C-alpha atoms as a PDB file:
ATOM      1  CA  UNK A   1      15.466 111.477 -92.565  1.00  0.00           C
ATOM      2  CA  UNK A   2      18.780 109.827 -93.194  1.00  0.00           C
ATOM      3  CA  UNK A   3      19.334 105.605 -92.229  1.00  0.00           C
ATOM      4  CA  UNK A   4      21.733 102.924 -93.840  1.00  0.00           C
ATOM      5  CA  UNK A   5      20.319 100.372 -96.082  1.00  0.00           C
ATOM      6  CA  UNK A   6      20.882  97.154 -94.144  1.00  0.00           C
ATOM      7  CA  UNK A   7      19.134  94.753 -96.686  1.00  0.00           C
ATOM      8  CA  UNK A   8      17.828  94.743-100.464  1.00  0.00           C
ATOM      9  CA  UNK A   9      14.733  92.639-101.944  1.00  0.00           C
ATOM     10  CA  UNK A  10      13.430  93.114-105.093  1.00  0.00           C
ATOM     11  CA  UNK A  11      12.897  96.552-105.659  1.00  0.00           C
ATOM     12  CA  UNK A  12      12.224  97.658-101.946  1.00  0.00           C
ATOM     13  CA  UNK A  13      15.261  98.794 -99.935  1.00  0.00           C
ATOM     14  CA  UNK A  14      14.843  98.457 -95.460  1.00  0.00           C
ATOM     15  CA  UNK A  15      16.365 101.453 -94.315  1.00  0.00           C
ATOM     16  CA  UNK A  16      17.668 101.385 -90.438  1.00  0.00           C
ATOM     17  CA  UNK A  17      17.765 104.440 -88.825  1.00  0.00           C
ATOM     18  CA  UNK A  18      19.245 103.198 -85.489  1.00  0.00           C
ATOM     19  CA  UNK A  19      15.601 103.549 -84.245  1.00  0.00           C
ATOM     20  CA  UNK A  20      13.920 102.055 -86.520  1.00  0.00           C
ATOM     21  CA  UNK A  21      13.708 100.555 -89.922  1.00  0.00           C
ATOM     22  CA  UNK A  22      11.811 101.230 -93.400  1.00  0.00           C
ATOM     23  CA  UNK A  23      10.341 100.044 -96.241  1.00  0.00           C
ATOM     24  CA  UNK A  24      11.377 102.085 -99.159  1.00  0.00           C
ATOM     25  CA  UNK A  25      11.778 102.465-102.693  1.00  0.00           C
ATOM     26  CA  UNK A  26      14.211 104.519-105.017  1.00  0.00           C
ATOM     27  CA  UNK A  27      13.178 107.887-106.651  1.00  0.00           C
ATOM     28  CA  UNK A  28      12.948 108.064-110.317  1.00  0.00           C
ATOM     29  CA  UNK A  29      15.624 110.577-111.068  1.00  0.00           C
ATOM     30  CA  UNK A  30      18.246 108.383-109.618  1.00  0.00           C
ATOM     31  CA  UNK A  31      16.764 105.269-111.413  1.00  0.00           C
ATOM     32  CA  UNK A  32      17.027 107.492-114.562  1.00  0.00           C
ATOM     33  CA  UNK A  33      20.627 108.497-113.084  1.00  0.00           C
ATOM     34  CA  UNK A  34      21.441 104.929-113.007  1.00  0.00           C
ATOM     35  CA  UNK A  35      22.236 104.703-109.709  1.00  0.00           C
ATOM     36  CA  UNK A  36      22.618 102.228-107.517  1.00  0.00           C
ATOM     37  CA  UNK A  37      21.984 101.381-104.317  1.00  0.00           C
ATOM     38  CA  UNK A  38      24.335  98.928-102.529  1.00  0.00           C
ATOM     39  CA  UNK A  39      23.479  97.797 -98.887  1.00  0.00           C
ATOM     40  CA  UNK A  40      25.129  99.423 -96.476  1.00  0.00           C
ATOM     41  CA  UNK A  41      24.872 102.435 -98.231  1.00  0.00           C
ATOM     42  CA  UNK A  42      23.769 105.753 -95.970  1.00  0.00           C
ATOM     43  CA  UNK A  43      20.664 107.430 -97.647  1.00  0.00           C
ATOM     44  CA  UNK A  44      18.633 110.415 -97.003  1.00  0.00           C
ATOM     45  CA  UNK A  45      14.291 108.949 -97.754  1.00  0.00           C
ATOM     46  CA  UNK A  46      11.297 110.974 -97.271  1.00  0.00           C
ATOM     47  CA  UNK A  47       7.903 109.015 -97.078  1.00  0.00           C
ATOM     48  CA  UNK A  48       9.111 106.152 -98.174  1.00  0.00           C
ATOM     49  CA  UNK A  49      11.181 107.203-100.093  1.00  0.00           C
ATOM     50  CA  UNK A  50      15.314 107.194-101.205  1.00  0.00           C
ATOM     51  CA  UNK A  51      15.497 110.535-102.290  1.00  0.00           C
ATOM     52  CA  UNK A  52      19.912 110.435-102.334  1.00  0.00           C
ATOM     53  CA  UNK A  53      22.244 108.808-101.193  1.00  0.00           C
ATOM     54  CA  UNK A  54      25.538 109.720 -99.589  1.00  0.00           C
ATOM     55  CA  UNK A  55      28.953 109.604-100.893  1.00  0.00           C
ATOM     56  CA  UNK A  56      30.552 106.522-100.208  1.00  0.00           C
ATOM     57  CA  UNK A  57      33.867 105.581 -98.316  1.00  0.00           C
ATOM     58  CA  UNK A  58      34.887 102.444-100.337  1.00  0.00           C
ATOM     59  CA  UNK A  59      32.790  99.316-101.237  1.00  0.00           C
ATOM     60  CA  UNK A  60      33.291  96.116-103.723  1.00  0.00           C
ATOM     61  CA  UNK A  61      31.743  95.760-106.769  1.00  0.00           C
ATOM     62  CA  UNK A  62      30.627  91.449-106.153  1.00  0.00           C
ATOM     63  CA  UNK A  63      29.345  91.393-103.445  1.00  0.00           C
ATOM     64  CA  UNK A  64      27.758  94.447-103.515  1.00  0.00           C
ATOM     65  CA  UNK A  65      28.292  96.357-100.637  1.00  0.00           C
ATOM     66  CA  UNK A  66      29.607  99.828 -99.500  1.00  0.00           C
ATOM     67  CA  UNK A  67      30.951 101.714 -96.495  1.00  0.00           C
ATOM     68  CA  UNK A  68      33.248  98.704 -95.116  1.00  0.00           C
ATOM     69  CA  UNK A  69      35.429  98.541 -92.072  1.00  0.00           C
ATOM     70  CA  UNK A  70      37.131  95.600 -92.666  1.00  0.00           C
ATOM     71  CA  UNK A  71      37.373  92.379 -94.118  1.00  0.00           C
ATOM     72  CA  UNK A  72      37.561  89.222 -92.759  1.00  0.00           C
ATOM     73  CA  UNK A  73      38.684  86.530 -94.655  1.00  0.00           C
ATOM     74  CA  UNK A  74      37.370  82.409 -92.987  1.00  0.00           C
ATOM     75  CA  UNK A  75      39.707  80.087 -94.464  1.00  0.00           C
ATOM     76  CA  UNK A  76      39.322  76.494 -92.730  1.00  0.00           C
ATOM     77  CA  UNK A  77      41.867  74.392 -91.868  1.00  0.00           C
ATOM     78  CA  UNK A  78      40.504  71.548 -92.516  1.00  0.00           C
ATOM     79  CA  UNK A  79      37.409  70.042 -94.561  1.00  0.00           C
ATOM     80  CA  UNK A  80      38.105  71.987 -96.963  1.00  0.00           C
ATOM     81  CA  UNK A  81      41.755  71.482 -97.017  1.00  0.00           C
ATOM     82  CA  UNK A  82      43.561  75.646 -96.864  1.00  0.00           C
ATOM     83  CA  UNK A  83      43.597  76.750-100.497  1.00  0.00           C
ATOM     84  CA  UNK A  84      46.788  79.696-100.264  1.00  0.00           C
ATOM     85  CA  UNK A  85      45.970  80.312-103.669  1.00  0.00           C
ATOM     86  CA  UNK A  86      42.479  81.509-102.808  1.00  0.00           C
ATOM     87  CA  UNK A  87      43.359  83.187 -99.417  1.00  0.00           C
ATOM     88  CA  UNK A  88      45.781  85.106-102.184  1.00  0.00           C
ATOM     89  CA  UNK A  89      42.578  86.123-104.157  1.00  0.00           C
ATOM     90  CA  UNK A  90      40.878  87.166-101.808  1.00  0.00           C
ATOM     91  CA  UNK A  91      43.545  89.494-100.060  1.00  0.00           C
ATOM     92  CA  UNK A  92      44.730  91.168-103.471  1.00  0.00           C
ATOM     93  CA  UNK A  93      41.155  91.942-103.783  1.00  0.00           C
ATOM     94  CA  UNK A  94      40.798  93.263-100.096  1.00  0.00           C
ATOM     95  CA  UNK A  95      44.512  94.898-101.340  1.00  0.00           C
ATOM     96  CA  UNK A  96      42.484  96.055-104.896  1.00  0.00           C
ATOM     97  CA  UNK A  97      40.052  98.078-102.586  1.00  0.00           C
ATOM     98  CA  UNK A  98      41.793  99.172 -99.833  1.00  0.00           C
ATOM     99  CA  UNK A  99      40.386  97.741 -97.388  1.00  0.00           C
ATOM    100  CA  UNK A 100      41.969  96.513 -93.642  1.00  0.00           C
ATOM    101  CA  UNK A 101      41.926  92.927 -93.497  1.00  0.00           C
ATOM    102  CA  UNK A 102      42.213  89.964 -90.727  1.00  0.00           C
ATOM    103  CA  UNK A 103      43.054  86.281 -91.780  1.00  0.00           C
ATOM    104  CA  UNK A 104      40.678  83.824 -89.528  1.00  0.00           C
ATOM    105  CA  UNK A 105      41.647  79.893 -89.707  1.00  0.00           C
ATOM    106  CA  UNK A 106      38.577  78.001 -88.511  1.00  0.00           C
ATOM    107  CA  UNK A 107      37.786  74.111 -87.863  1.00  0.00           C
ATOM    108  CA  UNK A 108      41.483  74.083 -85.362  1.00  0.00           C
ATOM    109  CA  UNK A 109      39.561  70.985 -83.813  1.00  0.00           C
ATOM    110  CA  UNK A 110      40.077  69.351 -86.268  1.00  0.00           C
ATOM    111  CA  UNK A 111      43.528  66.560 -87.444  1.00  0.00           C
ATOM    112  CA  UNK A 112      45.363  69.491 -89.624  1.00  0.00           C
ATOM    113  CA  UNK A 113      48.914  69.203 -90.207  1.00  0.00           C
ATOM    114  CA  UNK A 114      50.327  71.746 -87.965  1.00  0.00           C
ATOM    115  CA  UNK A 115      53.317  72.669 -89.781  1.00  0.00           C
ATOM    116  CA  UNK A 116      51.088  74.677 -91.654  1.00  0.00           C
ATOM    117  CA  UNK A 117      50.617  77.392 -88.509  1.00  0.00           C
ATOM    118  CA  UNK A 118      54.068  78.218 -89.089  1.00  0.00           C
ATOM    119  CA  UNK A 119      53.844  78.382 -93.241  1.00  0.00           C
ATOM    120  CA  UNK A 120      50.991  80.793 -92.196  1.00  0.00           C
ATOM    121  CA  UNK A 121      53.176  82.618 -89.591  1.00  0.00           C
ATOM    122  CA  UNK A 122      56.271  83.008 -91.951  1.00  0.00           C
ATOM    123  CA  UNK A 123      53.840  83.966 -94.991  1.00  0.00           C
ATOM    124  CA  UNK A 124      51.380  86.634 -93.933  1.00  0.00           C
ATOM    125  CA  UNK A 125      52.633  88.079 -90.587  1.00  0.00           C
ATOM    126  CA  UNK A 126      55.128  90.035 -91.943  1.00  0.00           C
ATOM    127  CA  UNK A 127      52.850  91.482 -94.946  1.00  0.00           C
ATOM    128  CA  UNK A 128      51.045  92.935 -91.548  1.00  0.00           C
ATOM    129  CA  UNK A 129      47.832  91.108 -91.573  1.00  0.00           C
ATOM    130  CA  UNK A 130      46.779  90.097 -88.131  1.00  0.00           C
ATOM    131  CA  UNK A 131      45.769  86.246 -88.306  1.00  0.00           C
ATOM    132  CA  UNK A 132      43.266  84.207 -85.548  1.00  0.00           C
ATOM    133  CA  UNK A 133      41.696  80.405 -84.807  1.00  0.00           C
ATOM    134  CA  UNK A 134      39.026  79.728 -84.196  1.00  0.00           C
ATOM    135  CA  UNK A 135      36.908  76.635 -83.747  1.00  0.00           C
ATOM    136  CA  UNK A 136      33.331  77.466 -84.354  1.00  0.00           C
ATOM    137  CA  UNK A 137      32.453  73.487 -82.820  1.00  0.00           C
ATOM    138  CA  UNK A 138      34.341  73.490 -79.648  1.00  0.00           C
ATOM    139  CA  UNK A 139      34.266  77.681 -79.280  1.00  0.00           C
ATOM    140  CA  UNK A 140      37.595  77.999 -79.827  1.00  0.00           C
ATOM    141  CA  UNK A 141      39.060  81.318 -80.217  1.00  0.00           C
ATOM    142  CA  UNK A 142      35.903  82.643 -79.973  1.00  0.00           C
ATOM    143  CA  UNK A 143      36.270  85.177 -77.865  1.00  0.00           C
ATOM    144  CA  UNK A 144      39.372  86.677 -79.907  1.00  0.00           C
ATOM    145  CA  UNK A 145      37.087  86.526 -82.892  1.00  0.00           C
ATOM    146  CA  UNK A 146      34.339  88.414 -81.305  1.00  0.00           C
ATOM    147  CA  UNK A 147      37.076  91.277 -80.406  1.00  0.00           C
ATOM    148  CA  UNK A 148      37.681  91.681 -83.848  1.00  0.00           C
ATOM    149  CA  UNK A 149      34.252  92.614 -84.551  1.00  0.00           C
ATOM    150  CA  UNK A 150      33.714  95.078 -81.872  1.00  0.00           C
ATOM    151  CA  UNK A 151      32.797  98.568 -83.108  1.00  0.00           C
ATOM    152  CA  UNK A 152      32.996  97.480 -86.829  1.00  0.00           C
ATOM    153  CA  UNK A 153      30.623  96.545 -89.798  1.00  0.00           C
ATOM    154  CA  UNK A 154      32.852  93.201 -91.262  1.00  0.00           C
ATOM    155  CA  UNK A 155      32.874  91.701 -94.222  1.00  0.00           C
ATOM    156  CA  UNK A 156      32.948  87.518 -93.824  1.00  0.00           C
ATOM    157  CA  UNK A 157      34.878  86.521 -96.989  1.00  0.00           C
ATOM    158  CA  UNK A 158      36.023  83.179 -97.582  1.00  0.00           C
ATOM    159  CA  UNK A 159      34.429  80.017 -99.715  1.00  0.00           C
ATOM    160  CA  UNK A 160      31.434  78.203 -99.044  1.00  0.00           C
ATOM    161  CA  UNK A 161      31.801  75.162 -96.325  1.00  0.00           C
ATOM    162  CA  UNK A 162      35.050  77.553 -94.171  1.00  0.00           C
ATOM    163  CA  UNK A 163      32.396  77.901 -91.499  1.00  0.00           C
ATOM    164  CA  UNK A 164      31.320  81.574 -91.614  1.00  0.00           C
ATOM    165  CA  UNK A 165      27.693  81.230 -90.534  1.00  0.00           C
ATOM    166  CA  UNK A 166      28.285  78.632 -87.707  1.00  0.00           C
ATOM    167  CA  UNK A 167      31.123  81.537 -86.272  1.00  0.00           C
ATOM    168  CA  UNK A 168      28.529  84.025 -85.726  1.00  0.00           C
ATOM    169  CA  UNK A 169      25.924  81.492 -84.273  1.00  0.00           C
ATOM    170  CA  UNK A 170      29.177  80.506 -82.285  1.00  0.00           C
ATOM    171  CA  UNK A 171      29.037  84.317 -80.663  1.00  0.00           C
ATOM    172  CA  UNK A 172      25.016  84.533 -81.109  1.00  0.00           C
ATOM    173  CA  UNK A 173      22.763  81.419 -80.859  1.00  0.00           C
ATOM    174  CA  UNK A 174      19.868  83.589 -81.869  1.00  0.00           C
ATOM    175  CA  UNK A 175      20.559  84.308 -84.694  1.00  0.00           C
ATOM    176  CA  UNK A 176      20.383  81.012 -86.494  1.00  0.00           C
ATOM    177  CA  UNK A 177      22.365  81.627 -89.303  1.00  0.00           C
ATOM    178  CA  UNK A 178      21.787  78.780 -91.988  1.00  0.00           C
ATOM    179  CA  UNK A 179      24.588  76.244 -92.160  1.00  0.00           C
ATOM    180  CA  UNK A 180      25.584  73.331 -94.773  1.00  0.00           C
ATOM    181  CA  UNK A 181      28.029  70.217 -93.769  1.00  0.00           C
ATOM    182  CA  UNK A 182      30.642  69.920 -96.802  1.00  0.00           C
ATOM    183  CA  UNK A 183      29.963  67.159 -99.375  1.00  0.00           C
ATOM    184  CA  UNK A 184      32.362  64.553 -98.815  1.00  0.00           C
ATOM    185  CA  UNK A 185      32.668  63.770-102.519  1.00  0.00           C
ATOM    186  CA  UNK A 186      33.614  66.956-103.752  1.00  0.00           C
ATOM    187  CA  UNK A 187      35.237  68.006-100.418  1.00  0.00           C
ATOM    188  CA  UNK A 188      33.476  71.437-100.906  1.00  0.00           C
ATOM    189  CA  UNK A 189      30.277  73.356 -99.224  1.00  0.00           C
ATOM    190  CA  UNK A 190      27.210  75.011-101.401  1.00  0.00           C
ATOM    191  CA  UNK A 191      26.159  78.276-100.566  1.00  0.00           C
ATOM    192  CA  UNK A 192      23.495  79.104 -97.849  1.00  0.00           C
ATOM    193  CA  UNK A 193      23.036  82.870 -97.905  1.00  0.00           C
ATOM    194  CA  UNK A 194      21.394  84.206-100.778  1.00  0.00           C
ATOM    195  CA  UNK A 195      21.652  87.951-100.719  1.00  0.00           C
ATOM    196  CA  UNK A 196      23.669  90.745 -98.960  1.00  0.00           C
ATOM    197  CA  UNK A 197      22.412  92.303 -95.491  1.00  0.00           C
ATOM    198  CA  UNK A 198      24.064  94.010 -92.563  1.00  0.00           C
ATOM    199  CA  UNK A 199      23.173  91.400 -89.451  1.00  0.00           C
ATOM    200  CA  UNK A 200      23.675  92.677 -85.696  1.00  0.00           C
ATOM    201  CA  UNK A 201      25.420  90.481 -83.692  1.00  0.00           C
ATOM    202  CA  UNK A 202      25.317  92.785 -80.603  1.00  0.00           C
ATOM    203  CA  UNK A 203      24.795  96.750 -79.902  1.00  0.00           C
ATOM    204  CA  UNK A 204      28.925  97.247 -80.972  1.00  0.00           C
ATOM    205  CA  UNK A 205      29.152  94.703 -83.670  1.00  0.00           C
ATOM    206  CA  UNK A 206      27.611  94.274 -87.429  1.00  0.00           C
ATOM    207  CA  UNK A 207      28.907  91.439 -89.825  1.00  0.00           C
ATOM    208  CA  UNK A 208      27.280  91.831 -93.731  1.00  0.00           C
ATOM    209  CA  UNK A 209      26.284  87.783 -93.993  1.00  0.00           C
ATOM    210  CA  UNK A 210      26.648  87.828 -98.471  1.00  0.00           C
ATOM    211  CA  UNK A 211      26.108  85.352-100.950  1.00  0.00           C
ATOM    212  CA  UNK A 212      30.001  84.453-101.345  1.00  0.00           C
ATOM    213  CA  UNK A 213      33.572  85.223-102.925  1.00  0.00           C
ATOM    214  CA  UNK A 214      33.709  82.064-104.983  1.00  0.00           C
ATOM    215  CA  UNK A 215      34.206  83.614-108.808  1.00  0.00           C
ATOM    216  CA  UNK A 216      37.124  86.381-107.648  1.00  0.00           C
ATOM    217  CA  UNK A 217      38.983  86.384-111.081  1.00  0.00           C
ATOM    218  CA  UNK A 218      41.544  89.534-111.740  1.00  0.00           C
ATOM    219  CA  UNK A 219      40.460  90.607-115.467  1.00  0.00           C
ATOM    220  CA  UNK A 220      39.869  93.821-114.656  1.00  0.00           C
ATOM    221  CA  UNK A 221      42.835  95.274-114.398  1.00  0.00           C
ATOM    222  CA  UNK A 222      45.610  95.963-116.793  1.00  0.00           C
ATOM    223  CA  UNK A 223      48.970  93.377-116.220  1.00  0.00           C
ATOM    224  CA  UNK A 224      51.181  96.015-115.142  1.00  0.00           C
ATOM    225  CA  UNK A 225      49.380  96.851-112.275  1.00  0.00           C
ATOM    226  CA  UNK A 226      48.364  93.482-110.896  1.00  0.00           C
ATOM    227  CA  UNK A 227      51.874  92.830-108.544  1.00  0.00           C
ATOM    228  CA  UNK A 228      50.958  96.532-106.266  1.00  0.00           C
ATOM    229  CA  UNK A 229      48.217  93.384-105.028  1.00  0.00           C
ATOM    230  CA  UNK A 230      51.274  92.299-103.304  1.00  0.00           C
ATOM    231  CA  UNK A 231      53.034  94.366-101.180  1.00  0.00           C
ATOM    232  CA  UNK A 232      55.391  91.332-100.915  1.00  0.00           C
ATOM    233  CA  UNK A 233      56.016  91.604-104.469  1.00  0.00           C
ATOM    234  CA  UNK A 234      55.751  95.145-105.050  1.00  0.00           C
ATOM    235  CA  UNK A 235      58.455  96.618-102.544  1.00  0.00           C
ATOM    236  CA  UNK A 236      60.944  95.482-104.884  1.00  0.00           C
ATOM    237  CA  UNK A 237      59.299  96.371-108.410  1.00  0.00           C
ATOM    238  CA  UNK A 238      60.855 100.185-108.346  1.00  0.00           C
ATOM    239  CA  UNK A 239      64.295  98.823-108.859  1.00  0.00           C
ATOM    240  CA  UNK A 240      63.460  96.752-112.167  1.00  0.00           C
ATOM    241  CA  UNK A 241      64.958  97.454-115.605  1.00  0.00           C
ATOM    242  CA  UNK A 242      61.670  98.163-117.682  1.00  0.00           C
ATOM    243  CA  UNK A 243      58.889  99.987-116.228  1.00  0.00           C
ATOM    244  CA  UNK A 244      56.423  97.615-117.519  1.00  0.00           C
ATOM    245  CA  UNK A 245      58.248  94.757-116.017  1.00  0.00           C
ATOM    246  CA  UNK A 246      55.875  92.189-115.518  1.00  0.00           C
ATOM    247  CA  UNK A 247      58.059  89.889-113.413  1.00  0.00           C
ATOM    248  CA  UNK A 248      58.607  86.739-115.433  1.00  0.00           C
ATOM    249  CA  UNK A 249      61.226  87.031-117.408  1.00  0.00           C
ATOM    250  CA  UNK A 250      62.468  89.901-117.916  1.00  0.00           C
ATOM    251  CA  UNK A 251      66.260  91.506-117.644  1.00  0.00           C
ATOM    252  CA  UNK A 252      66.989  93.045-115.282  1.00  0.00           C
ATOM    253  CA  UNK A 253      63.485  92.272-113.240  1.00  0.00           C
ATOM    254  CA  UNK A 254      64.466  93.443-109.731  1.00  0.00           C
ATOM    255  CA  UNK A 255      61.689  90.769-108.476  1.00  0.00           C
ATOM    256  CA  UNK A 256      63.057  87.732-109.777  1.00  0.00           C
ATOM    257  CA  UNK A 257      66.754  88.516-108.393  1.00  0.00           C
ATOM    258  CA  UNK A 258      64.955  88.520-104.796  1.00  0.00           C
ATOM    259  CA  UNK A 259      62.247  85.748-105.754  1.00  0.00           C
ATOM    260  CA  UNK A 260      64.185  83.182-103.007  1.00  0.00           C
ATOM    261  CA  UNK A 261      62.547  86.314-100.056  1.00  0.00           C
ATOM    262  CA  UNK A 262      58.576  85.911-101.746  1.00  0.00           C
ATOM    263  CA  UNK A 263      57.079  82.279-101.061  1.00  0.00           C
ATOM    264  CA  UNK A 264      56.329  80.106-103.970  1.00  0.00           C
ATOM    265  CA  UNK A 265      52.658  80.232-103.461  1.00  0.00           C
ATOM    266  CA  UNK A 266      52.298  83.909-103.495  1.00  0.00           C
ATOM    267  CA  UNK A 267      54.107  84.126-106.504  1.00  0.00           C
ATOM    268  CA  UNK A 268      52.402  81.202-108.011  1.00  0.00           C
ATOM    269  CA  UNK A 269      48.885  83.353-107.404  1.00  0.00           C
ATOM    270  CA  UNK A 270      50.675  86.218-109.059  1.00  0.00           C
ATOM    271  CA  UNK A 271      51.421  84.539-111.912  1.00  0.00           C
ATOM    272  CA  UNK A 272      47.939  83.643-112.398  1.00  0.00           C
ATOM    273  CA  UNK A 273      46.796  86.818-111.895  1.00  0.00           C
ATOM    274  CA  UNK A 274      48.732  88.429-114.490  1.00  0.00           C
ATOM    275  CA  UNK A 275      47.048  85.357-116.872  1.00  0.00           C
ATOM    276  CA  UNK A 276      43.437  86.964-115.797  1.00  0.00           C
ATOM    277  CA  UNK A 277      44.646  90.570-116.045  1.00  0.00           C
ATOM    278  CA  UNK A 278      45.939  89.734-119.801  1.00  0.00           C
ATOM    279  CA  UNK A 279      42.483  88.745-120.658  1.00  0.00           C
ATOM    280  CA  UNK A 280      41.216  92.316-120.166  1.00  0.00           C
ATOM    281  CA  UNK A 281      44.220  94.074-121.598  1.00  0.00           C
ATOM    282  CA  UNK A 282      43.365  91.959-124.780  1.00  0.00           C
ATOM    283  CA  UNK A 283      39.447  92.040-124.291  1.00  0.00           C
ATOM    284  CA  UNK A 284      39.673  96.786-124.464  1.00  0.00           C
ATOM    285  CA  UNK A 285      42.660  96.673-126.567  1.00  0.00           C
ATOM    286  CA  UNK A 286      40.124  97.196-129.880  1.00  0.00           C
ATOM    287  CA  UNK A 287      37.272  98.915-127.468  1.00  0.00           C
ATOM    288  CA  UNK A 288      36.453 102.359-127.366  1.00  0.00           C
ATOM    289  CA  UNK A 289      37.438 104.496-123.736  1.00  0.00           C
ATOM    290  CA  UNK A 290      34.555 107.237-123.808  1.00  0.00           C
ATOM    291  CA  UNK A 291      31.648 106.772-121.165  1.00  0.00           C
ATOM    292  CA  UNK A 292      27.763 107.938-122.046  1.00  0.00           C
ATOM    293  CA  UNK A 293      27.667 110.081-118.425  1.00  0.00           C
ATOM    294  CA  UNK A 294      24.192 109.614-116.607  1.00  0.00           C
ATOM    295  CA  UNK A 295      23.971 112.836-114.853  1.00  0.00           C
ATOM    296  CA  UNK A 296      24.906 116.672-115.872  1.00  0.00           C
ATOM    297  CA  UNK A 297      25.448 119.384-113.499  1.00  0.00           C
ATOM    298  CA  UNK A 298      22.954 122.418-113.975  1.00  0.00           C
ATOM    299  CA  UNK A 299      22.653 125.798-111.191  1.00  0.00           C
ATOM    300  CA  UNK A 300      25.005 123.303-109.372  1.00  0.00           C
ATOM    301  CA  UNK A 301      22.286 120.576-109.387  1.00  0.00           C
ATOM    302  CA  UNK A 302      23.006 117.213-110.233  1.00  0.00           C
ATOM    303  CA  UNK A 303      20.111 116.248-112.547  1.00  0.00           C
ATOM    304  CA  UNK A 304      19.428 113.281-115.205  1.00  0.00           C
ATOM    305  CA  UNK A 305      21.401 113.954-118.328  1.00  0.00           C
ATOM    306  CA  UNK A 306      18.273 113.069-121.002  1.00  0.00           C
ATOM    307  CA  UNK A 307      20.380 111.604-124.507  1.00  0.00           C
ATOM    308  CA  UNK A 308      20.275 113.182-127.871  1.00  0.00           C
ATOM    309  CA  UNK A 309      18.469 110.397-129.526  1.00  0.00           C
ATOM    310  CA  UNK A 310      15.460 111.002-126.608  1.00  0.00           C
ATOM    311  CA  UNK A 311      15.457 114.692-127.286  1.00  0.00           C
ATOM    312  CA  UNK A 312      14.227 114.404-130.262  1.00  0.00           C
ATOM    313  CA  UNK A 313      11.973 111.445-130.284  1.00  0.00           C
ATOM    314  CA  UNK A 314      10.657 113.927-127.564  1.00  0.00           C
ATOM    315  CA  UNK A 315      10.363 116.778-129.740  1.00  0.00           C
ATOM    316  CA  UNK A 316       8.834 115.104-132.259  1.00  0.00           C
ATOM    317  CA  UNK A 317       6.216 113.659-130.089  1.00  0.00           C
ATOM    318  CA  UNK A 318       5.531 116.626-129.231  1.00  0.00           C
ATOM    319  CA  UNK A 319       4.914 118.443-132.920  1.00  0.00           C
ATOM    320  CA  UNK A 320       2.982 116.023-134.281  1.00  0.00           C
ATOM    321  CA  UNK A 321       0.541 116.674-130.438  1.00  0.00           C
ATOM    322  CA  UNK A 322       0.433 120.110-131.671  1.00  0.00           C
ATOM    323  CA  UNK A 323      -0.353 119.192-135.552  1.00  0.00           C
ATOM    324  CA  UNK A 324      -3.041 116.695-134.426  1.00  0.00           C
ATOM    325  CA  UNK A 325      -4.966 119.823-132.538  1.00  0.00           C
ATOM    326  CA  UNK A 326      -4.194 122.173-135.194  1.00  0.00           C
ATOM    327  CA  UNK A 327      -6.135 119.221-137.268  1.00  0.00           C
END
């Protein structure tokens, strides 16, 4: 049978076939191959045991989710205040994984600076992002938000306290997802979701409820690749004098020549990501790049690969048993 993992708890994998749901364990050979199953993975299973993982179309590493149709980045216009630098982090992360992205600005019912609307429009509409404004408490923009979800498996991404769960509850109150108020002291919310789970909103729409994306850092890519996460910067990179130009203070930098065409917050975010990427470059400088593979192909089949050390250990054990039997 085939189905999709909609929840993982301890060592149990919950599979939805579209008709029924099953509680499964993972086959031992997949454990030996160090195959990691994610929420959203399509799998084959038999008698409550997952035997194969069907190749993914995409995934996010953390929080770990696979086979996503779109990421909806939810930001609050107020309480907490809109943080464009954090928004740029989420946008860049979605760009890295090449997943379609929509921007949702929630809590429109609160007293927020209306000039922000023009700023949001001027920065993000030219980059091709669809934008929607909502108020979960007053039910504003909920129909437009529901339309975005229609027919898709969507990941809601954003800081804690911006109203992700409230938006889902506004569409389907029967789900009754947990929500918490933003702290008056810190102006921050607290995570109400502890694990990833695919939730059916209605017959055609599903969302992935996640524990949040609060600690997004770009300490996993090289500095020279960061500009590819910013289409407003990348459009000028090919005309730079040096192919490894970081667009900071280099001679002949075409990005710096066109810096007035790039929003300040976008460029500031880019510089912050460059610093994080430099940490990664420094870390891998003295590390070897060779990786030990956990699988090998034998007779056109993938099987678990046992290391030489383990093989030798097994042979020694076998010899000892033979000698024991002889004596």
